[in-house]
Amino acid sequence: MVASVALLAACGAKGNKTGYEYAPQMYHSVPYEGLTQITDEDEGQLISNREDGKGEFYNSNPNNPHKMNMRQPPANTVSRNAAGILPTQIHKDSFALAARVLISPLGDDDALVADGKLLYGRFCEHCHGDTGQGDGLVGEVYLGVPPYNSAAIKEQPEGHLYHVITHGKGRMLSHASQLNPMERWKIVRYVQTLQKQ
């Protein structure tokens, strides 16, 4: 009995003695988790080995009002990326609205078209072909990939093209997970050159 108590006491963690865990801060980190907030400083005290004396599960940020971990953004604000592009809230099936509303934030210089061509080669060429005629290796197997200079696509504005890349259309699936908004707009710039051929 005494040996059991001594053994359990030897497993306690204090200061530089980690107890039975080799690296306790790896298992019991103290991050400010945005979606959870435990304000009771004694929560998890029985298993705690924190040096600040608080419970293992206490995770509130003392530097924010009300010890909040995640603060409310200012009213009427929208998150933007580094290029200042706003996220779009247009329904995936609203192609006509996208064609009218979405406008490229990029210019028309040759460097953007070159970047677009590079991205097109990686993500689009296998279906749409090198010149946008729908004759890529995949396009030859799955017939029906329309050429960019066809009557249905030739006059489509940049907003429509961007929306199709973002949400997909028909058998083409969304590329939003592979391409960030800036890359999508660069591909649109290159596809516009293929529309004119």
Protein backbone atom coordinates (compact mmCIF):
# COMPACT_ATOMS: atom_id res chain seq x y z
CA MET A 1 0.00 0.00 0.00
CA VAL A 2 2.76 2.43 0.96
CA ALA A 3 4.67 1.49 -2.20
CA SER A 4 1.61 2.31 -4.34
CA VAL A 5 1.22 5.74 -2.73
CA ALA A 6 4.96 6.45 -3.20
CA LEU A 7 4.77 5.36 -6.82
CA LEU A 8 1.79 7.63 -7.54
CA ALA A 9 3.47 10.54 -5.76
CA ALA A 10 6.56 10.07 -7.94
CA CYS A 11 4.42 10.58 -11.06
CA GLY A 12 3.37 14.08 -10.03
CA ALA A 13 4.46 16.97 -12.24
CA LYS A 14 5.90 20.17 -10.79
CA GLY A 15 8.36 22.67 -12.23
CA ASN A 16 11.03 20.84 -14.23
CA LYS A 17 9.76 17.41 -13.17
CA THR A 18 7.48 16.25 -15.95
CA GLY A 19 6.06 13.29 -14.04
CA TYR A 20 4.86 10.41 -16.16
CA GLU A 21 4.69 12.46 -19.37
CA TYR A 22 7.81 13.16 -21.37
CA ALA A 23 6.64 16.46 -22.88
CA PRO A 24 3.42 17.50 -21.14
CA GLN A 25 3.07 20.83 -22.98
CA MET A 26 2.77 18.90 -26.23
CA TYR A 27 -0.20 16.97 -24.88
CA HIS A 28 -1.72 19.76 -22.81
CA SER A 29 -1.00 22.97 -24.67
CA VAL A 30 -2.59 26.24 -23.60
CA PRO A 31 -3.66 27.89 -26.86
CA TYR A 32 -6.35 30.49 -27.19
CA GLU A 33 -8.87 28.43 -29.10
CA GLY A 34 -11.28 30.63 -31.01
CA LEU A 35 -14.27 28.32 -30.81
CA THR A 36 -13.99 27.32 -27.15
CA GLN A 37 -13.69 29.45 -24.07
CA ILE A 38 -13.36 28.14 -20.56
CA THR A 39 -13.27 31.00 -18.08
CA ASP A 40 -13.14 28.92 -14.87
CA GLU A 41 -9.49 29.01 -13.82
CA ASP A 42 -9.88 25.79 -11.79
CA GLU A 43 -11.33 23.70 -14.62
CA GLY A 44 -9.15 20.57 -14.89
CA GLN A 45 -7.14 21.39 -11.77
CA LEU A 46 -6.78 17.70 -10.81
CA ILE A 47 -4.77 16.87 -13.94
CA SER A 48 -3.08 20.22 -14.39
CA ASN A 49 0.67 20.61 -14.57
CA ARG A 50 0.60 24.24 -15.69
CA GLU A 51 3.21 26.44 -14.11
CA ASP A 52 0.76 29.33 -13.71
CA GLY A 53 -1.34 27.28 -11.26
CA LYS A 54 -4.50 27.36 -13.39
CA GLY A 55 -6.57 24.32 -14.37
CA GLU A 56 -5.60 22.24 -17.38
CA PHE A 57 -8.63 23.31 -19.44
CA TYR A 58 -8.66 27.05 -18.69
CA ASN A 59 -8.02 28.76 -22.02
CA SER A 60 -9.34 32.32 -21.88
CA ASN A 61 -7.32 35.26 -23.16
CA PRO A 62 -6.67 37.72 -20.32
CA ASN A 63 -5.66 40.46 -22.78
CA ASN A 64 -9.13 40.89 -24.34
CA PRO A 65 -12.28 42.33 -22.78
CA HIS A 66 -14.25 39.67 -20.89
CA LYS A 67 -11.28 37.32 -21.50
CA MET A 68 -12.62 36.60 -25.00
CA ASN A 69 -10.58 34.40 -27.32
CA MET A 70 -12.32 35.45 -30.52
CA ARG A 71 -13.43 39.04 -30.91
CA GLN A 72 -16.35 40.30 -32.93
CA PRO A 73 -15.19 42.08 -36.11
CA PRO A 74 -16.31 45.69 -36.56
CA ALA A 75 -19.81 46.13 -37.92
CA ASN A 76 -20.28 46.15 -41.72
CA THR A 77 -16.80 44.83 -42.46
CA VAL A 78 -15.86 42.06 -44.87
CA SER A 79 -12.64 40.09 -44.80
CA ARG A 80 -10.38 40.64 -47.80
CA ASN A 81 -7.26 38.90 -48.99
CA ALA A 82 -3.89 40.59 -49.49
CA ALA A 83 -4.91 41.77 -52.97
CA GLY A 84 -8.09 43.39 -51.62
CA ILE A 85 -10.41 40.99 -53.44
CA LEU A 86 -13.79 40.64 -51.79
CA PRO A 87 -15.36 37.20 -51.46
CA THR A 88 -18.42 36.80 -53.67
CA GLN A 89 -21.80 35.75 -52.33
CA ILE A 90 -23.38 34.97 -55.68
CA HIS A 91 -25.27 31.67 -55.84
CA LYS A 92 -23.48 29.00 -57.86
CA ASP A 93 -26.29 28.86 -60.43
CA SER A 94 -26.51 32.64 -60.96
CA PHE A 95 -24.33 32.89 -64.06
CA ALA A 96 -26.16 35.90 -65.51
CA LEU A 97 -25.74 37.85 -62.27
CA ALA A 98 -22.08 36.92 -62.05
CA ALA A 99 -21.55 38.05 -65.63
CA ARG A 100 -22.96 41.50 -64.78
CA VAL A 101 -21.48 41.98 -61.30
CA LEU A 102 -18.04 40.37 -61.18
CA ILE A 103 -15.25 42.58 -62.53
CA SER A 104 -11.60 41.64 -62.56
CA PRO A 105 -9.39 43.59 -60.16
CA LEU A 106 -6.39 42.89 -62.43
CA GLY A 107 -5.04 44.97 -65.27
CA ASP A 108 -4.39 43.80 -68.82
CA ASP A 109 -0.60 43.60 -68.88
CA ASP A 110 1.30 40.78 -70.57
CA ALA A 111 2.73 39.44 -67.30
CA LEU A 112 -0.76 38.63 -66.02
CA VAL A 113 -1.64 36.86 -69.26
CA ALA A 114 1.62 34.88 -69.03
CA ASP A 115 0.80 33.86 -65.45
CA GLY A 116 -2.68 32.90 -66.60
CA LYS A 117 -1.27 30.78 -69.41
CA LEU A 118 0.95 28.92 -66.94
CA LEU A 119 -1.98 28.25 -64.60
CA TYR A 120 -4.20 27.30 -67.56
CA GLY A 121 -1.60 24.71 -68.58
CA ARG A 122 -1.72 23.15 -65.12
CA PHE A 123 -5.45 23.21 -64.41
CA CYS A 124 -7.39 23.60 -67.68
CA GLU A 125 -5.44 22.33 -70.67
CA HIS A 126 -6.10 18.64 -70.01
CA CYS A 127 -9.79 19.21 -70.83
CA HIS A 128 -9.94 22.42 -72.85
CA GLY A 129 -6.81 21.82 -74.93
CA ASP A 130 -3.79 23.98 -75.65
CA THR A 131 -5.75 26.50 -77.73
CA GLY A 132 -9.08 26.23 -75.91
CA GLN A 133 -10.78 24.11 -78.58
CA GLY A 134 -11.98 21.44 -76.10
CA ASP A 135 -9.51 18.93 -77.52
CA GLY A 136 -7.37 18.19 -74.47
CA LEU A 137 -6.56 14.58 -73.59
CA VAL A 138 -9.50 14.39 -71.18
CA GLY A 139 -11.71 16.41 -73.52
CA GLU A 140 -11.18 13.79 -76.24
CA VAL A 141 -12.51 11.07 -73.94
CA TYR A 142 -15.36 13.06 -72.41
CA LEU A 143 -16.79 14.69 -75.49
CA GLY A 144 -18.72 17.92 -75.24
CA VAL A 145 -16.09 20.33 -73.88
CA PRO A 146 -17.00 23.50 -75.76
CA PRO A 147 -14.32 25.56 -77.52
CA TYR A 148 -13.79 29.05 -76.15
CA ASN A 149 -14.37 30.66 -79.55
CA SER A 150 -17.78 28.99 -80.00
CA ALA A 151 -20.86 31.18 -80.25
CA ALA A 152 -21.98 30.17 -76.73
CA ILE A 153 -18.73 31.17 -75.02
CA LYS A 154 -17.00 33.67 -77.28
CA GLU A 155 -18.99 36.65 -75.96
CA GLN A 156 -19.15 35.59 -72.31
CA PRO A 157 -17.77 38.35 -70.03
CA GLU A 158 -15.03 37.89 -67.47
CA GLY A 159 -17.46 37.60 -64.56
CA HIS A 160 -19.10 34.57 -66.15
CA LEU A 161 -15.74 32.88 -66.74
CA TYR A 162 -14.63 33.56 -63.18
CA HIS A 163 -17.90 32.18 -61.80
CA VAL A 164 -17.56 28.97 -63.83
CA ILE A 165 -14.00 28.43 -62.58
CA THR A 166 -15.14 29.09 -59.01
CA HIS A 167 -18.31 26.98 -58.96
CA GLY A 168 -18.10 24.75 -62.03
CA LYS A 169 -20.76 24.20 -64.67
CA GLY A 170 -22.11 21.02 -66.21
CA ARG A 171 -19.45 18.31 -65.99
CA MET A 172 -16.77 20.82 -65.02
CA LEU A 173 -16.34 20.84 -61.27
CA SER A 174 -15.34 23.77 -59.10
CA HIS A 175 -11.66 24.73 -59.03
CA ALA A 176 -12.02 27.00 -55.99
CA SER A 177 -10.08 24.60 -53.77
CA GLN A 178 -7.14 24.48 -56.21
CA LEU A 179 -6.97 28.13 -57.25
CA ASN A 180 -7.15 31.24 -55.11
CA PRO A 181 -9.21 34.19 -56.43
CA MET A 182 -6.18 35.97 -57.90
CA GLU A 183 -5.13 32.85 -59.83
CA ARG A 184 -8.69 32.42 -61.15
CA TRP A 185 -8.70 35.99 -62.47
CA LYS A 186 -5.34 35.37 -64.18
CA ILE A 187 -6.77 32.31 -65.92
CA VAL A 188 -9.75 34.41 -66.99
CA ARG A 189 -7.36 36.94 -68.58
CA TYR A 190 -5.69 34.15 -70.55
CA VAL A 191 -8.99 32.51 -71.57
CA GLN A 192 -10.12 35.89 -72.92
CA THR A 193 -7.22 35.74 -75.38
CA LEU A 194 -8.40 32.25 -76.47
CA GLN A 195 -11.96 33.54 -76.97
CA LYS A 196 -10.66 35.86 -79.70
CA GLN A 197 -8.95 33.11 -81.75
